C-alpha atoms as a PDB file:
ATOM      1  CA  UNK A   1     -48.359  74.732 -11.547  1.00  0.00           C
ATOM      2  CA  UNK A   2     -46.105  71.855 -10.525  1.00  0.00           C
ATOM      3  CA  UNK A   3     -46.293  68.487 -12.263  1.00  0.00           C
ATOM      4  CA  UNK A   4     -47.293  65.742  -9.827  1.00  0.00           C
ATOM      5  CA  UNK A   5     -47.148  61.995 -10.448  1.00  0.00           C
ATOM      6  CA  UNK A   6     -49.977  59.983  -8.899  1.00  0.00           C
ATOM      7  CA  UNK A   7     -49.298  56.240  -8.928  1.00  0.00           C
ATOM      8  CA  UNK A   8     -52.420  54.091  -8.757  1.00  0.00           C
ATOM      9  CA  UNK A   9     -54.275  57.236  -9.784  1.00  0.00           C
ATOM     10  CA  UNK A  10     -57.255  55.382 -11.247  1.00  0.00           C
ATOM     11  CA  UNK A  11     -57.944  53.540  -7.994  1.00  0.00           C
ATOM     12  CA  UNK A  12     -60.472  54.525  -5.337  1.00  0.00           C
ATOM     13  CA  UNK A  13     -58.445  57.020  -3.288  1.00  0.00           C
ATOM     14  CA  UNK A  14     -56.087  57.873  -6.152  1.00  0.00           C
ATOM     15  CA  UNK A  15     -58.846  59.041  -8.504  1.00  0.00           C
ATOM     16  CA  UNK A  16     -60.426  61.296  -5.861  1.00  0.00           C
ATOM     17  CA  UNK A  17     -57.003  62.777  -5.116  1.00  0.00           C
ATOM     18  CA  UNK A  18     -56.362  63.454  -8.813  1.00  0.00           C
ATOM     19  CA  UNK A  19     -59.650  65.403  -8.896  1.00  0.00           C
ATOM     20  CA  UNK A  20     -58.607  67.544  -5.907  1.00  0.00           C
ATOM     21  CA  UNK A  21     -55.099  68.114  -7.346  1.00  0.00           C
ATOM     22  CA  UNK A  22     -56.538  69.274 -10.676  1.00  0.00           C
ATOM     23  CA  UNK A  23     -59.051  71.471  -8.880  1.00  0.00           C
ATOM     24  CA  UNK A  24     -56.063  73.164  -7.200  1.00  0.00           C
ATOM     25  CA  UNK A  25     -54.378  73.686 -10.583  1.00  0.00           C
ATOM     26  CA  UNK A  26     -51.672  71.008 -10.422  1.00  0.00           C
ATOM     27  CA  UNK A  27     -50.630  69.249 -13.626  1.00  0.00           C
ATOM     28  CA  UNK A  28     -51.230  65.554 -12.977  1.00  0.00           C
ATOM     29  CA  UNK A  29     -49.654  62.484 -14.545  1.00  0.00           C
ATOM     30  CA  UNK A  30     -51.206  59.131 -13.600  1.00  0.00           C
ATOM     31  CA  UNK A  31     -49.426  55.783 -13.620  1.00  0.00           C
ATOM     32  CA  UNK A  32     -51.653  52.744 -13.218  1.00  0.00           C
ATOM     33  CA  UNK A  33     -51.333  49.151 -14.427  1.00  0.00           C
ATOM     34  CA  UNK A  34     -55.147  48.697 -14.363  1.00  0.00           C
ATOM     35  CA  UNK A  35     -54.823  45.486 -12.322  1.00  0.00           C
ATOM     36  CA  UNK A  36     -57.423  46.724  -9.828  1.00  0.00           C
ATOM     37  CA  UNK A  37     -58.927  49.707 -11.623  1.00  0.00           C
ATOM     38  CA  UNK A  38     -60.626  50.683 -14.857  1.00  0.00           C
ATOM     39  CA  UNK A  39     -59.584  53.026 -17.683  1.00  0.00           C
ATOM     40  CA  UNK A  40     -63.146  54.467 -17.611  1.00  0.00           C
ATOM     41  CA  UNK A  41     -62.211  56.262 -14.384  1.00  0.00           C
ATOM     42  CA  UNK A  42     -60.247  58.728 -16.571  1.00  0.00           C
ATOM     43  CA  UNK A  43     -63.550  59.829 -18.110  1.00  0.00           C
ATOM     44  CA  UNK A  44     -65.038  60.384 -14.656  1.00  0.00           C
ATOM     45  CA  UNK A  45     -62.083  62.530 -13.556  1.00  0.00           C
ATOM     46  CA  UNK A  46     -62.281  64.528 -16.788  1.00  0.00           C
ATOM     47  CA  UNK A  47     -66.051  65.015 -16.453  1.00  0.00           C
ATOM     48  CA  UNK A  48     -65.650  66.388 -12.913  1.00  0.00           C
ATOM     49  CA  UNK A  49     -62.635  68.660 -13.488  1.00  0.00           C
ATOM     50  CA  UNK A  50     -62.972  69.565 -17.171  1.00  0.00           C
ATOM     51  CA  UNK A  51     -59.402  68.415 -17.765  1.00  0.00           C
ATOM     52  CA  UNK A  52     -58.013  65.009 -18.702  1.00  0.00           C
ATOM     53  CA  UNK A  53     -54.865  64.107 -16.764  1.00  0.00           C
ATOM     54  CA  UNK A  54     -51.948  62.510 -18.618  1.00  0.00           C
ATOM     55  CA  UNK A  55     -52.144  58.727 -18.268  1.00  0.00           C
ATOM     56  CA  UNK A  56     -49.447  56.088 -18.713  1.00  0.00           C
ATOM     57  CA  UNK A  57     -50.131  52.387 -18.315  1.00  0.00           C
ATOM     58  CA  UNK A  58     -47.006  51.165 -16.538  1.00  0.00           C
ATOM     59  CA  UNK A  59     -46.322  48.296 -14.168  1.00  0.00           C
ATOM     60  CA  UNK A  60     -44.094  49.812 -11.482  1.00  0.00           C
ATOM     61  CA  UNK A  61     -42.546  46.391 -10.797  1.00  0.00           C
ATOM     62  CA  UNK A  62     -40.667  46.919 -14.094  1.00  0.00           C
ATOM     63  CA  UNK A  63     -37.601  48.885 -12.950  1.00  0.00           C
ATOM     64  CA  UNK A  64     -36.636  49.893 -16.485  1.00  0.00           C
ATOM     65  CA  UNK A  65     -40.123  51.282 -17.158  1.00  0.00           C
ATOM     66  CA  UNK A  66     -39.878  53.393 -13.995  1.00  0.00           C
ATOM     67  CA  UNK A  67     -36.451  54.736 -15.024  1.00  0.00           C
ATOM     68  CA  UNK A  68     -37.738  55.531 -18.515  1.00  0.00           C
ATOM     69  CA  UNK A  69     -40.771  57.349 -17.117  1.00  0.00           C
ATOM     70  CA  UNK A  70     -38.633  59.667 -14.977  1.00  0.00           C
ATOM     71  CA  UNK A  71     -36.310  60.346 -17.922  1.00  0.00           C
ATOM     72  CA  UNK A  72     -39.332  61.458 -19.949  1.00  0.00           C
ATOM     73  CA  UNK A  73     -40.844  63.391 -17.019  1.00  0.00           C
ATOM     74  CA  UNK A  74     -37.738  64.840 -15.359  1.00  0.00           C
ATOM     75  CA  UNK A  75     -39.776  67.905 -14.348  1.00  0.00           C
ATOM     76  CA  UNK A  76     -41.931  65.965 -11.853  1.00  0.00           C
ATOM     77  CA  UNK A  77     -41.944  67.937  -8.588  1.00  0.00           C
ATOM     78  CA  UNK A  78     -43.736  65.427  -6.411  1.00  0.00           C
ATOM     79  CA  UNK A  79     -45.169  61.931  -6.205  1.00  0.00           C
ATOM     80  CA  UNK A  80     -48.260  60.701  -4.387  1.00  0.00           C
ATOM     81  CA  UNK A  81     -47.801  56.947  -4.164  1.00  0.00           C
ATOM     82  CA  UNK A  82     -50.999  54.888  -3.951  1.00  0.00           C
ATOM     83  CA  UNK A  83     -50.065  51.948  -6.192  1.00  0.00           C
ATOM     84  CA  UNK A  84     -50.123  48.885  -3.919  1.00  0.00           C
ATOM     85  CA  UNK A  85     -52.080  45.715  -3.248  1.00  0.00           C
ATOM     86  CA  UNK A  86     -54.312  46.146  -0.206  1.00  0.00           C
ATOM     87  CA  UNK A  87     -56.454  43.086   0.612  1.00  0.00           C
ATOM     88  CA  UNK A  88     -55.471  41.766   4.046  1.00  0.00           C
ATOM     89  CA  UNK A  89     -56.778  38.223   3.460  1.00  0.00           C
ATOM     90  CA  UNK A  90     -55.127  37.913   0.052  1.00  0.00           C
ATOM     91  CA  UNK A  91     -51.811  39.092   1.526  1.00  0.00           C
ATOM     92  CA  UNK A  92     -51.884  36.203   4.017  1.00  0.00           C
ATOM     93  CA  UNK A  93     -52.329  33.720   1.158  1.00  0.00           C
ATOM     94  CA  UNK A  94     -49.979  35.476  -1.297  1.00  0.00           C
ATOM     95  CA  UNK A  95     -47.242  37.122   0.805  1.00  0.00           C
ATOM     96  CA  UNK A  96     -44.607  37.237  -1.940  1.00  0.00           C
ATOM     97  CA  UNK A  97     -47.016  38.971  -4.316  1.00  0.00           C
ATOM     98  CA  UNK A  98     -47.517  41.678  -1.667  1.00  0.00           C
ATOM     99  CA  UNK A  99     -43.827  42.084  -0.841  1.00  0.00           C
ATOM    100  CA  UNK A 100     -42.914  42.360  -4.514  1.00  0.00           C
ATOM    101  CA  UNK A 101     -45.730  44.707  -5.472  1.00  0.00           C
ATOM    102  CA  UNK A 102     -45.706  46.967  -2.411  1.00  0.00           C
ATOM    103  CA  UNK A 103     -41.989  47.108  -1.603  1.00  0.00           C
ATOM    104  CA  UNK A 104     -40.065  46.844  -4.885  1.00  0.00           C
ATOM    105  CA  UNK A 105     -42.222  49.511  -6.555  1.00  0.00           C
ATOM    106  CA  UNK A 106     -41.588  51.912  -3.675  1.00  0.00           C
ATOM    107  CA  UNK A 107     -37.825  51.324  -3.886  1.00  0.00           C
ATOM    108  CA  UNK A 108     -37.740  51.947  -7.644  1.00  0.00           C
ATOM    109  CA  UNK A 109     -39.617  55.254  -7.308  1.00  0.00           C
ATOM    110  CA  UNK A 110     -37.444  56.493  -4.424  1.00  0.00           C
ATOM    111  CA  UNK A 111     -34.298  55.637  -6.410  1.00  0.00           C
ATOM    112  CA  UNK A 112     -35.503  57.949  -9.191  1.00  0.00           C
ATOM    113  CA  UNK A 113     -36.536  60.722  -6.784  1.00  0.00           C
ATOM    114  CA  UNK A 114     -33.042  60.663  -5.246  1.00  0.00           C
ATOM    115  CA  UNK A 115     -31.681  61.758  -8.636  1.00  0.00           C
ATOM    116  CA  UNK A 116     -33.814  64.912  -8.722  1.00  0.00           C
ATOM    117  CA  UNK A 117     -32.529  68.208  -7.274  1.00  0.00           C
ATOM    118  CA  UNK A 118     -35.546  68.211  -4.955  1.00  0.00           C
ATOM    119  CA  UNK A 119     -38.696  66.157  -4.693  1.00  0.00           C
ATOM    120  CA  UNK A 120     -41.786  65.794  -2.498  1.00  0.00           C
ATOM    121  CA  UNK A 121     -43.194  62.348  -1.711  1.00  0.00           C
ATOM    122  CA  UNK A 122     -46.538  61.455  -0.140  1.00  0.00           C
ATOM    123  CA  UNK A 123     -46.914  57.817   0.951  1.00  0.00           C
ATOM    124  CA  UNK A 124     -50.227  56.043   1.287  1.00  0.00           C
ATOM    125  CA  UNK A 125     -49.821  54.336   4.668  1.00  0.00           C
ATOM    126  CA  UNK A 126     -52.349  52.841   7.037  1.00  0.00           C
ATOM    127  CA  UNK A 127     -53.543  52.675  10.618  1.00  0.00           C
ATOM    128  CA  UNK A 128     -52.755  48.934  10.395  1.00  0.00           C
ATOM    129  CA  UNK A 129     -49.227  49.890  11.517  1.00  0.00           C
ATOM    130  CA  UNK A 130     -50.650  50.384  15.042  1.00  0.00           C
ATOM    131  CA  UNK A 131     -52.308  46.954  15.307  1.00  0.00           C
ATOM    132  CA  UNK A 132     -54.600  46.788  18.353  1.00  0.00           C
ATOM    133  CA  UNK A 133     -53.465  50.015  19.977  1.00  0.00           C
ATOM    134  CA  UNK A 134     -52.912  50.183  23.751  1.00  0.00           C
ATOM    135  CA  UNK A 135     -54.777  53.492  23.998  1.00  0.00           C
ATOM    136  CA  UNK A 136     -57.624  55.116  22.084  1.00  0.00           C
ATOM    137  CA  UNK A 137     -57.826  57.419  20.267  1.00  0.00           C
ATOM    138  CA  UNK A 138     -54.574  56.556  18.453  1.00  0.00           C
ATOM    139  CA  UNK A 139     -51.917  59.263  18.202  1.00  0.00           C
ATOM    140  CA  UNK A 140     -48.906  59.289  15.862  1.00  0.00           C
ATOM    141  CA  UNK A 141     -46.734  58.479  18.887  1.00  0.00           C
ATOM    142  CA  UNK A 142     -48.491  55.143  19.476  1.00  0.00           C
ATOM    143  CA  UNK A 143     -46.055  52.238  19.125  1.00  0.00           C
ATOM    144  CA  UNK A 144     -45.931  50.471  15.786  1.00  0.00           C
ATOM    145  CA  UNK A 145     -46.950  46.898  16.636  1.00  0.00           C
ATOM    146  CA  UNK A 146     -45.969  43.672  14.943  1.00  0.00           C
ATOM    147  CA  UNK A 147     -48.075  43.518  11.785  1.00  0.00           C
ATOM    148  CA  UNK A 148     -51.162  41.284  11.710  1.00  0.00           C
ATOM    149  CA  UNK A 149     -50.705  40.537   7.997  1.00  0.00           C
ATOM    150  CA  UNK A 150     -48.151  40.767   5.178  1.00  0.00           C
ATOM    151  CA  UNK A 151     -50.173  43.755   3.874  1.00  0.00           C
ATOM    152  CA  UNK A 152     -49.750  45.582   7.188  1.00  0.00           C
ATOM    153  CA  UNK A 153     -46.091  44.628   7.229  1.00  0.00           C
ATOM    154  CA  UNK A 154     -45.544  46.202   3.784  1.00  0.00           C
ATOM    155  CA  UNK A 155     -46.859  49.498   5.155  1.00  0.00           C
ATOM    156  CA  UNK A 156     -44.502  49.318   8.157  1.00  0.00           C
ATOM    157  CA  UNK A 157     -41.523  48.369   5.986  1.00  0.00           C
ATOM    158  CA  UNK A 158     -42.499  51.056   3.472  1.00  0.00           C
ATOM    159  CA  UNK A 159     -42.422  53.738   6.167  1.00  0.00           C
ATOM    160  CA  UNK A 160     -39.016  52.485   7.366  1.00  0.00           C
ATOM    161  CA  UNK A 161     -37.617  52.578   3.818  1.00  0.00           C
ATOM    162  CA  UNK A 162     -38.814  56.154   3.307  1.00  0.00           C
ATOM    163  CA  UNK A 163     -37.516  57.271   6.720  1.00  0.00           C
ATOM    164  CA  UNK A 164     -34.102  55.694   6.106  1.00  0.00           C
ATOM    165  CA  UNK A 165     -33.901  57.246   2.627  1.00  0.00           C
ATOM    166  CA  UNK A 166     -34.845  60.723   3.899  1.00  0.00           C
ATOM    167  CA  UNK A 167     -32.097  60.552   6.556  1.00  0.00           C
ATOM    168  CA  UNK A 168     -29.423  60.415   3.856  1.00  0.00           C
ATOM    169  CA  UNK A 169     -31.225  62.395   1.132  1.00  0.00           C
ATOM    170  CA  UNK A 170     -31.701  66.054   2.145  1.00  0.00           C
ATOM    171  CA  UNK A 171     -33.237  66.822  -1.274  1.00  0.00           C
ATOM    172  CA  UNK A 172     -36.145  64.453  -0.554  1.00  0.00           C
ATOM    173  CA  UNK A 173     -39.102  65.502   1.610  1.00  0.00           C
ATOM    174  CA  UNK A 174     -41.720  62.913   2.546  1.00  0.00           C
ATOM    175  CA  UNK A 175     -44.941  62.521   4.495  1.00  0.00           C
ATOM    176  CA  UNK A 176     -46.553  59.181   5.362  1.00  0.00           C
ATOM    177  CA  UNK A 177     -50.320  59.517   5.743  1.00  0.00           C
ATOM    178  CA  UNK A 178     -51.788  56.819   7.960  1.00  0.00           C
ATOM    179  CA  UNK A 179     -55.398  56.368   6.835  1.00  0.00           C
ATOM    180  CA  UNK A 180     -58.123  54.941   8.919  1.00  0.00           C
ATOM    181  CA  UNK A 181     -61.114  53.626   6.869  1.00  0.00           C
ATOM    182  CA  UNK A 182     -61.870  55.503   3.620  1.00  0.00           C
ATOM    183  CA  UNK A 183     -65.504  55.309   2.464  1.00  0.00           C
ATOM    184  CA  UNK A 184     -67.991  57.090   0.209  1.00  0.00           C
ATOM    185  CA  UNK A 185     -67.563  58.541  -3.254  1.00  0.00           C
ATOM    186  CA  UNK A 186     -67.513  61.854  -5.100  1.00  0.00           C
ATOM    187  CA  UNK A 187     -70.828  63.697  -4.803  1.00  0.00           C
ATOM    188  CA  UNK A 188     -71.126  63.744  -8.616  1.00  0.00           C
ATOM    189  CA  UNK A 189     -71.217  59.894  -8.614  1.00  0.00           C
ATOM    190  CA  UNK A 190     -68.811  60.012 -11.575  1.00  0.00           C
ATOM    191  CA  UNK A 191     -66.077  58.226  -9.604  1.00  0.00           C
ATOM    192  CA  UNK A 192     -66.245  55.976  -6.548  1.00  0.00           C
ATOM    193  CA  UNK A 193     -65.158  52.697  -5.021  1.00  0.00           C
ATOM    194  CA  UNK A 194     -65.353  49.908  -7.597  1.00  0.00           C
ATOM    195  CA  UNK A 195     -63.783  46.728  -6.222  1.00  0.00           C
ATOM    196  CA  UNK A 196     -63.027  43.963  -8.706  1.00  0.00           C
ATOM    197  CA  UNK A 197     -64.594  40.697  -7.518  1.00  0.00           C
ATOM    198  CA  UNK A 198     -65.972  40.252  -4.012  1.00  0.00           C
ATOM    199  CA  UNK A 199     -65.448  43.435  -1.937  1.00  0.00           C
ATOM    200  CA  UNK A 200     -62.968  43.201   0.939  1.00  0.00           C
ATOM    201  CA  UNK A 201     -64.339  46.336   2.614  1.00  0.00           C
ATOM    202  CA  UNK A 202     -67.575  46.845   4.524  1.00  0.00           C
ATOM    203  CA  UNK A 203     -69.220  49.712   2.650  1.00  0.00           C
ATOM    204  CA  UNK A 204     -69.102  48.336  -0.921  1.00  0.00           C
ATOM    205  CA  UNK A 205     -70.369  45.035   0.468  1.00  0.00           C
ATOM    206  CA  UNK A 206     -73.269  46.924   2.066  1.00  0.00           C
ATOM    207  CA  UNK A 207     -74.177  48.759  -1.152  1.00  0.00           C
ATOM    208  CA  UNK A 208     -73.810  45.636  -3.290  1.00  0.00           C
ATOM    209  CA  UNK A 209     -76.073  43.707  -0.901  1.00  0.00           C
ATOM    210  CA  UNK A 210     -78.648  46.505  -0.934  1.00  0.00           C
ATOM    211  CA  UNK A 211     -78.764  46.564  -4.744  1.00  0.00           C
ATOM    212  CA  UNK A 212     -79.095  42.770  -4.960  1.00  0.00           C
ATOM    213  CA  UNK A 213     -75.618  41.869  -6.205  1.00  0.00           C
ATOM    214  CA  UNK A 214     -74.801  40.061  -2.955  1.00  0.00           C
ATOM    215  CA  UNK A 215     -77.331  37.892  -1.164  1.00  0.00           C
ATOM    216  CA  UNK A 216     -76.349  38.766   2.399  1.00  0.00           C
ATOM    217  CA  UNK A 217     -73.865  40.809   4.384  1.00  0.00           C
ATOM    218  CA  UNK A 218     -71.894  38.953   7.064  1.00  0.00           C
ATOM    219  CA  UNK A 219     -71.151  40.862  10.274  1.00  0.00           C
ATOM    220  CA  UNK A 220     -68.078  39.209  11.767  1.00  0.00           C
ATOM    221  CA  UNK A 221     -68.766  38.887  15.473  1.00  0.00           C
ATOM    222  CA  UNK A 222     -71.096  40.666  17.900  1.00  0.00           C
ATOM    223  CA  UNK A 223     -69.276  39.593  21.055  1.00  0.00           C
ATOM    224  CA  UNK A 224     -66.487  42.161  21.084  1.00  0.00           C
ATOM    225  CA  UNK A 225     -66.048  44.383  24.159  1.00  0.00           C
ATOM    226  CA  UNK A 226     -67.758  47.362  22.458  1.00  0.00           C
ATOM    227  CA  UNK A 227     -71.154  48.993  23.151  1.00  0.00           C
ATOM    228  CA  UNK A 228     -73.026  46.864  20.571  1.00  0.00           C
ATOM    229  CA  UNK A 229     -70.518  43.995  20.349  1.00  0.00           C
ATOM    230  CA  UNK A 230     -69.303  44.791  16.810  1.00  0.00           C
ATOM    231  CA  UNK A 231     -65.900  46.135  15.785  1.00  0.00           C
ATOM    232  CA  UNK A 232     -65.322  49.881  15.798  1.00  0.00           C
ATOM    233  CA  UNK A 233     -63.482  51.788  13.057  1.00  0.00           C
ATOM    234  CA  UNK A 234     -62.877  55.396  12.063  1.00  0.00           C
ATOM    235  CA  UNK A 235     -64.664  55.872   8.719  1.00  0.00           C
ATOM    236  CA  UNK A 236     -63.367  58.882   6.783  1.00  0.00           C
ATOM    237  CA  UNK A 237     -65.012  60.231   3.639  1.00  0.00           C
ATOM    238  CA  UNK A 238     -62.718  59.689   0.653  1.00  0.00           C
ATOM    239  CA  UNK A 239     -63.105  63.328  -0.479  1.00  0.00           C
ATOM    240  CA  UNK A 240     -61.853  64.575   2.905  1.00  0.00           C
ATOM    241  CA  UNK A 241     -58.979  62.103   2.600  1.00  0.00           C
ATOM    242  CA  UNK A 242     -58.137  63.268  -0.929  1.00  0.00           C
ATOM    243  CA  UNK A 243     -58.056  66.908   0.183  1.00  0.00           C
ATOM    244  CA  UNK A 244     -55.619  65.990   2.959  1.00  0.00           C
ATOM    245  CA  UNK A 245     -53.167  64.678   0.339  1.00  0.00           C
ATOM    246  CA  UNK A 246     -53.242  67.979  -1.525  1.00  0.00           C
ATOM    247  CA  UNK A 247     -52.670  69.904   1.717  1.00  0.00           C
ATOM    248  CA  UNK A 248     -49.806  67.571   2.739  1.00  0.00           C
ATOM    249  CA  UNK A 249     -48.217  67.997  -0.686  1.00  0.00           C
ATOM    250  CA  UNK A 250     -48.522  71.780  -0.371  1.00  0.00           C
ATOM    251  CA  UNK A 251     -46.787  71.609   3.024  1.00  0.00           C
ATOM    252  CA  UNK A 252     -43.745  70.020   1.375  1.00  0.00           C
ATOM    253  CA  UNK A 253     -43.775  72.131  -1.791  1.00  0.00           C
ATOM    254  CA  UNK A 254     -43.960  75.347   0.287  1.00  0.00           C
ATOM    255  CA  UNK A 255     -41.267  74.091   2.710  1.00  0.00           C
ATOM    256  CA  UNK A 256     -43.544  74.263   5.750  1.00  0.00           C
ATOM    257  CA  UNK A 257     -42.491  70.824   7.006  1.00  0.00           C
ATOM    258  CA  UNK A 258     -40.637  70.496  10.324  1.00  0.00           C
ATOM    259  CA  UNK A 259     -38.443  67.590   9.217  1.00  0.00           C
ATOM    260  CA  UNK A 260     -37.978  65.898   5.861  1.00  0.00           C
ATOM    261  CA  UNK A 261     -39.942  62.848   7.047  1.00  0.00           C
ATOM    262  CA  UNK A 262     -43.246  63.279   8.867  1.00  0.00           C
ATOM    263  CA  UNK A 263     -46.265  61.093   9.706  1.00  0.00           C
ATOM    264  CA  UNK A 264     -49.911  62.082  10.100  1.00  0.00           C
ATOM    265  CA  UNK A 265     -53.071  60.180  11.037  1.00  0.00           C
ATOM    266  CA  UNK A 266     -56.045  60.808   8.763  1.00  0.00           C
ATOM    267  CA  UNK A 267     -59.436  60.020  10.235  1.00  0.00           C
ATOM    268  CA  UNK A 268     -62.451  61.747  11.748  1.00  0.00           C
ATOM    269  CA  UNK A 269     -61.472  61.143  15.359  1.00  0.00           C
ATOM    270  CA  UNK A 270     -64.742  59.263  15.926  1.00  0.00           C
ATOM    271  CA  UNK A 271     -65.252  55.503  15.988  1.00  0.00           C
ATOM    272  CA  UNK A 272     -68.336  53.879  14.473  1.00  0.00           C
ATOM    273  CA  UNK A 273     -69.331  50.256  14.960  1.00  0.00           C
ATOM    274  CA  UNK A 274     -70.289  47.939  12.097  1.00  0.00           C
ATOM    275  CA  UNK A 275     -73.938  48.078  13.213  1.00  0.00           C
ATOM    276  CA  UNK A 276     -73.811  51.885  13.335  1.00  0.00           C
ATOM    277  CA  UNK A 277     -72.559  51.928   9.733  1.00  0.00           C
ATOM    278  CA  UNK A 278     -75.417  49.595   8.713  1.00  0.00           C
ATOM    279  CA  UNK A 279     -77.915  51.826  10.541  1.00  0.00           C
ATOM    280  CA  UNK A 280     -76.524  54.920   8.820  1.00  0.00           C
ATOM    281  CA  UNK A 281     -76.914  53.248   5.425  1.00  0.00           C
ATOM    282  CA  UNK A 282     -80.481  52.143   6.152  1.00  0.00           C
ATOM    283  CA  UNK A 283     -81.366  55.663   7.270  1.00  0.00           C
ATOM    284  CA  UNK A 284     -80.011  57.508   4.206  1.00  0.00           C
ATOM    285  CA  UNK A 285     -81.079  54.899   1.631  1.00  0.00           C
ATOM    286  CA  UNK A 286     -84.460  53.948   3.062  1.00  0.00           C
ATOM    287  CA  UNK A 287     -83.570  50.300   2.412  1.00  0.00           C
ATOM    288  CA  UNK A 288     -83.511  47.437   4.904  1.00  0.00           C
ATOM    289  CA  UNK A 289     -80.275  45.509   4.692  1.00  0.00           C
ATOM    290  CA  UNK A 290     -80.130  41.712   4.744  1.00  0.00           C
ATOM    291  CA  UNK A 291     -77.309  40.925   7.183  1.00  0.00           C
ATOM    292  CA  UNK A 292     -76.384  38.072   9.479  1.00  0.00           C
ATOM    293  CA  UNK A 293     -74.116  37.893  12.534  1.00  0.00           C
ATOM    294  CA  UNK A 294     -71.408  35.255  11.970  1.00  0.00           C
ATOM    295  CA  UNK A 295     -68.229  34.269  13.824  1.00  0.00           C
ATOM    296  CA  UNK A 296     -65.285  36.579  14.299  1.00  0.00           C
ATOM    297  CA  UNK A 297     -62.809  37.048  11.447  1.00  0.00           C
ATOM    298  CA  UNK A 298     -59.153  36.348  12.112  1.00  0.00           C
ATOM    299  CA  UNK A 299     -56.922  39.431  12.311  1.00  0.00           C
ATOM    300  CA  UNK A 300     -59.673  41.966  13.090  1.00  0.00           C
ATOM    301  CA  UNK A 301     -58.725  44.437  15.803  1.00  0.00           C
ATOM    302  CA  UNK A 302     -61.514  45.325  18.238  1.00  0.00           C
ATOM    303  CA  UNK A 303     -61.431  49.074  17.955  1.00  0.00           C
ATOM    304  CA  UNK A 304     -59.365  51.675  16.085  1.00  0.00           C
ATOM    305  CA  UNK A 305     -59.994  55.383  15.702  1.00  0.00           C
ATOM    306  CA  UNK A 306     -57.690  58.329  15.212  1.00  0.00           C
ATOM    307  CA  UNK A 307     -56.499  61.191  17.330  1.00  0.00           C
ATOM    308  CA  UNK A 308     -56.440  63.794  14.556  1.00  0.00           C
ATOM    309  CA  UNK A 309     -54.977  66.656  16.620  1.00  0.00           C
ATOM    310  CA  UNK A 310     -51.656  66.670  14.757  1.00  0.00           C
ATOM    311  CA  UNK A 311     -53.259  66.772  11.289  1.00  0.00           C
ATOM    312  CA  UNK A 312     -55.751  69.404  12.473  1.00  0.00           C
ATOM    313  CA  UNK A 313     -53.077  71.665  13.940  1.00  0.00           C
ATOM    314  CA  UNK A 314     -50.042  71.084  11.706  1.00  0.00           C
ATOM    315  CA  UNK A 315     -51.742  70.605   8.345  1.00  0.00           C
ATOM    316  CA  UNK A 316     -54.729  72.813   9.061  1.00  0.00           C
ATOM    317  CA  UNK A 317     -56.922  69.961   7.819  1.00  0.00           C
ATOM    318  CA  UNK A 318     -60.045  68.519   9.397  1.00  0.00           C
ATOM    319  CA  UNK A 319     -62.591  65.993   8.131  1.00  0.00           C
ATOM    320  CA  UNK A 320     -65.779  67.866   7.160  1.00  0.00           C
ATOM    321  CA  UNK A 321     -68.098  65.142   5.891  1.00  0.00           C
ATOM    322  CA  UNK A 322     -70.141  62.779   8.073  1.00  0.00           C
ATOM    323  CA  UNK A 323     -70.740  59.034   8.017  1.00  0.00           C
ATOM    324  CA  UNK A 324     -74.243  59.737   6.663  1.00  0.00           C
ATOM    325  CA  UNK A 325     -72.699  61.838   3.854  1.00  0.00           C
ATOM    326  CA  UNK A 326     -70.373  58.959   3.017  1.00  0.00           C
ATOM    327  CA  UNK A 327     -73.126  56.332   2.993  1.00  0.00           C
ATOM    328  CA  UNK A 328     -75.402  58.540   0.904  1.00  0.00           C
ATOM    329  CA  UNK A 329     -72.681  59.107  -1.716  1.00  0.00           C
ATOM    330  CA  UNK A 330     -71.674  55.427  -1.733  1.00  0.00           C
ATOM    331  CA  UNK A 331     -75.290  54.406  -2.388  1.00  0.00           C
ATOM    332  CA  UNK A 332     -75.682  57.009  -5.147  1.00  0.00           C
ATOM    333  CA  UNK A 333     -72.511  55.684  -6.796  1.00  0.00           C
ATOM    334  CA  UNK A 334     -73.642  52.048  -6.512  1.00  0.00           C
ATOM    335  CA  UNK A 335     -76.905  52.872  -8.258  1.00  0.00           C
ATOM    336  CA  UNK A 336     -75.104  54.706 -11.088  1.00  0.00           C
ATOM    337  CA  UNK A 337     -72.665  51.801 -11.570  1.00  0.00           C
ATOM    338  CA  UNK A 338     -75.376  49.136 -11.713  1.00  0.00           C
ATOM    339  CA  UNK A 339     -77.665  51.137 -13.987  1.00  0.00           C
ATOM    340  CA  UNK A 340     -75.037  52.248 -16.478  1.00  0.00           C
END
């Protein structure tokens, strides 16, 4: 099978995607600089799939290292690019760190892919490109709004760079996947979401509060114009998300794409409020969560959930797992992590 490079392949979404790629028979090479991940994740991937992927510790900001990698692996047929910094708040405080890490690395990889006779590229994008959308659910035709943060801006700029490169590079085929909110973990509890430091995302903060690592969960605002006053998001199980990457890659490899640059939303098509997520967790875990309503957080959009029609019809992909499934797997993973 084809050799596929997964950058950031030991991260949360990357590791689950490596599992699905190996399950489909692809030969996987991982690049990760371990700045926000752990080498132990390799053992989890190997335990699940029975095969250890090739791993190279490389910082993609080092242009020479990237060039050397592609000289050694000139038979790479495709790249799934996850490696990027992703904390919205941190990006506001450290914009240059985000522009260097998220933009320069993308440019260096695309420069190498241009040299290949043909290459497939899957980009980890985000629903942040839509901002507070004018209409819900959000389709791929929704206008890209001015970014709320440097992080969001790097995703917009990244998509523009890929689109511009594809226009003048017929040998390059690319898909940008705009994720909504990935949650959960692999059912085996051998890999999952393991944020370094204080979690920036809701679900790991919930599980860490439930297990006693965090004293209390803050719910930012209950005065939004939503049914229960809390923000609404589209929470997609990370395994469903990972499978979508494999399907998108197959679309390019098998030349089923309609143009050499395409975009797809990846979500469930259903919005869940913060309180609904908390209720789901309490139901599947049997634990009461210590949470407190606090003031709104700057930069939070009120409501965002996907119209998944395009991904359903064009990719033949649909989210299968529920919010309860995601919360159950996230809790199982949290318990394994804390007791190991």
